[in-house]
Amino acid sequence: MIRKIIQRVNEWLEDRLRSLVRPLSPDARVIVIVTMLIVFSGLSIYMTVSSIYNLGKGKGEQMQIEQIESLKLQQQQRDSINNLNHYQYERSSE
């Protein structure tokens, strides 16, 4: 369904473009094509450069850096070398 709609729109645009270009001479067609190529290339380069230029603009003002606070760790009174774990294993009587 959507494919048919897209195909109809494509055919309609193609017919409109052909009706606009048909009265032009071959030299005029080349001039129109080259002019459109230059204009669209210029717009593409302008948008790319302006996007790169504005990429980080304004974010530096919004970003605020805070000082990192030291973590408050709990002090344990264990000897790290002599760390004994006392486990009590119970046997289940079957």
C-alpha atoms as a PDB file:
ATOM      1  CA  MET A   1       0.000   0.000   0.000  1.00  0.00           C
ATOM      2  CA  ILE A   2       2.686   2.479   1.015  1.00  0.00           C
ATOM      3  CA  ARG A   3       4.871   1.301  -1.841  1.00  0.00           C
ATOM      4  CA  LYS A   4       2.119   2.105  -4.353  1.00  0.00           C
ATOM      5  CA  ILE A   5       1.675   5.596  -2.888  1.00  0.00           C
ATOM      6  CA  ILE A   6       5.408   6.269  -3.090  1.00  0.00           C
ATOM      7  CA  GLN A   7       5.494   4.985  -6.658  1.00  0.00           C
ATOM      8  CA  ARG A   8       2.580   7.258  -7.666  1.00  0.00           C
ATOM      9  CA  VAL A   9       4.232  10.300  -6.093  1.00  0.00           C
ATOM     10  CA  ASN A  10       7.510   9.411  -7.821  1.00  0.00           C
ATOM     11  CA  GLU A  11       5.790   9.117 -11.217  1.00  0.00           C
ATOM     12  CA  TRP A  12       3.931  12.399 -10.692  1.00  0.00           C
ATOM     13  CA  LEU A  13       7.167  14.223  -9.791  1.00  0.00           C
ATOM     14  CA  GLU A  14       8.942  12.704 -12.773  1.00  0.00           C
ATOM     15  CA  ASP A  15       6.162  13.813 -15.137  1.00  0.00           C
ATOM     16  CA  ARG A  16       6.214  17.357 -13.708  1.00  0.00           C
ATOM     17  CA  LEU A  17      10.001  17.561 -14.037  1.00  0.00           C
ATOM     18  CA  ARG A  18       9.929  16.290 -17.619  1.00  0.00           C
ATOM     19  CA  SER A  19       7.239  18.826 -18.557  1.00  0.00           C
ATOM     20  CA  LEU A  20       9.381  21.633 -17.113  1.00  0.00           C
ATOM     21  CA  VAL A  21      12.607  20.509 -18.813  1.00  0.00           C
ATOM     22  CA  ARG A  22      11.174  19.494 -22.222  1.00  0.00           C
ATOM     23  CA  PRO A  23      11.029  23.043 -23.682  1.00  0.00           C
ATOM     24  CA  LEU A  24      14.690  23.738 -22.777  1.00  0.00           C
ATOM     25  CA  SER A  25      17.497  23.205 -25.268  1.00  0.00           C
ATOM     26  CA  PRO A  26      20.250  20.714 -24.415  1.00  0.00           C
ATOM     27  CA  ASP A  27      22.696  23.538 -23.633  1.00  0.00           C
ATOM     28  CA  ALA A  28      20.188  25.188 -21.301  1.00  0.00           C
ATOM     29  CA  ARG A  29      19.629  21.843 -19.537  1.00  0.00           C
ATOM     30  CA  VAL A  30      23.364  21.499 -18.902  1.00  0.00           C
ATOM     31  CA  ILE A  31      23.523  25.062 -17.552  1.00  0.00           C
ATOM     32  CA  VAL A  32      20.575  24.392 -15.213  1.00  0.00           C
ATOM     33  CA  ILE A  33      22.113  21.137 -13.990  1.00  0.00           C
ATOM     34  CA  VAL A  34      25.554  22.696 -13.356  1.00  0.00           C
ATOM     35  CA  THR A  35      23.969  25.689 -11.594  1.00  0.00           C
ATOM     36  CA  MET A  36      21.901  23.405  -9.361  1.00  0.00           C
ATOM     37  CA  LEU A  37      24.984  21.295  -8.626  1.00  0.00           C
ATOM     38  CA  ILE A  38      26.990  24.358  -7.562  1.00  0.00           C
ATOM     39  CA  VAL A  39      24.158  25.778  -5.420  1.00  0.00           C
ATOM     40  CA  PHE A  40      23.413  22.508  -3.628  1.00  0.00           C
ATOM     41  CA  SER A  41      27.117  21.752  -3.145  1.00  0.00           C
ATOM     42  CA  GLY A  42      27.618  25.183  -1.599  1.00  0.00           C
ATOM     43  CA  LEU A  43      24.654  24.689   0.713  1.00  0.00           C
ATOM     44  CA  SER A  44      25.944  21.270   1.740  1.00  0.00           C
ATOM     45  CA  ILE A  45      29.414  22.615   2.542  1.00  0.00           C
ATOM     46  CA  TYR A  46      27.932  25.577   4.430  1.00  0.00           C
ATOM     47  CA  MET A  47      25.684  23.360   6.563  1.00  0.00           C
ATOM     48  CA  THR A  48      28.530  20.945   7.317  1.00  0.00           C
ATOM     49  CA  VAL A  49      30.931  23.717   8.350  1.00  0.00           C
ATOM     50  CA  SER A  50      28.316  25.566  10.426  1.00  0.00           C
ATOM     51  CA  SER A  51      27.322  22.318  12.171  1.00  0.00           C
ATOM     52  CA  ILE A  52      30.925  21.580  13.076  1.00  0.00           C
ATOM     53  CA  TYR A  53      31.455  25.174  14.236  1.00  0.00           C
ATOM     54  CA  ASN A  54      28.337  25.160  16.440  1.00  0.00           C
ATOM     55  CA  LEU A  55      28.911  21.642  17.762  1.00  0.00           C
ATOM     56  CA  GLY A  56      30.271  22.587  21.178  1.00  0.00           C
ATOM     57  CA  LYS A  57      29.168  26.189  21.304  1.00  0.00           C
ATOM     58  CA  GLY A  58      27.204  27.057  24.445  1.00  0.00           C
ATOM     59  CA  LYS A  59      27.840  23.767  26.207  1.00  0.00           C
ATOM     60  CA  GLY A  60      30.856  25.135  28.044  1.00  0.00           C
ATOM     61  CA  GLU A  61      28.688  27.696  29.780  1.00  0.00           C
ATOM     62  CA  GLN A  62      26.160  25.102  30.891  1.00  0.00           C
ATOM     63  CA  MET A  63      28.705  22.628  32.199  1.00  0.00           C
ATOM     64  CA  GLN A  64      29.763  23.257  35.773  1.00  0.00           C
ATOM     65  CA  ILE A  65      32.613  21.346  37.315  1.00  0.00           C
ATOM     66  CA  GLU A  66      32.372  20.603  40.998  1.00  0.00           C
ATOM     67  CA  GLN A  67      35.157  19.527  43.317  1.00  0.00           C
ATOM     68  CA  ILE A  68      35.217  15.824  44.015  1.00  0.00           C
ATOM     69  CA  GLU A  69      34.672  15.156  47.702  1.00  0.00           C
ATOM     70  CA  SER A  70      36.648  12.503  49.472  1.00  0.00           C
ATOM     71  CA  LEU A  71      34.816   9.318  50.300  1.00  0.00           C
ATOM     72  CA  LYS A  72      34.096   8.592  53.931  1.00  0.00           C
ATOM     73  CA  LEU A  73      35.094   4.971  54.354  1.00  0.00           C
ATOM     74  CA  GLN A  74      34.409   2.920  57.437  1.00  0.00           C
ATOM     75  CA  GLN A  75      37.484   2.022  59.431  1.00  0.00           C
ATOM     76  CA  GLN A  76      37.684  -1.647  60.292  1.00  0.00           C
ATOM     77  CA  GLN A  77      39.877  -2.910  63.088  1.00  0.00           C
ATOM     78  CA  ARG A  78      41.109  -5.986  61.256  1.00  0.00           C
ATOM     79  CA  ASP A  79      44.549  -7.015  60.388  1.00  0.00           C
ATOM     80  CA  SER A  80      44.720  -7.387  56.634  1.00  0.00           C
ATOM     81  CA  ILE A  81      47.511  -9.956  56.841  1.00  0.00           C
ATOM     82  CA  ASN A  82      45.834 -12.141  59.408  1.00  0.00           C
ATOM     83  CA  ASN A  83      42.279 -12.052  58.103  1.00  0.00           C
ATOM     84  CA  LEU A  84      40.574 -15.026  59.731  1.00  0.00           C
ATOM     85  CA  ASN A  85      37.141 -16.050  58.687  1.00  0.00           C
ATOM     86  CA  HIS A  86      35.291 -18.184  61.164  1.00  0.00           C
ATOM     87  CA  TYR A  87      32.639 -20.170  59.438  1.00  0.00           C
ATOM     88  CA  GLN A  88      30.446 -22.606  61.234  1.00  0.00           C
ATOM     89  CA  TYR A  89      29.377 -25.447  59.027  1.00  0.00           C
ATOM     90  CA  GLU A  90      26.533 -27.578  60.254  1.00  0.00           C
ATOM     91  CA  ARG A  91      25.916 -31.034  59.042  1.00  0.00           C
ATOM     92  CA  SER A  92      22.413 -31.936  58.273  1.00  0.00           C
ATOM     93  CA  SER A  93      21.374 -35.154  59.846  1.00  0.00           C
ATOM     94  CA  GLU A  94      19.592 -37.391  57.517  1.00  0.00           C
END
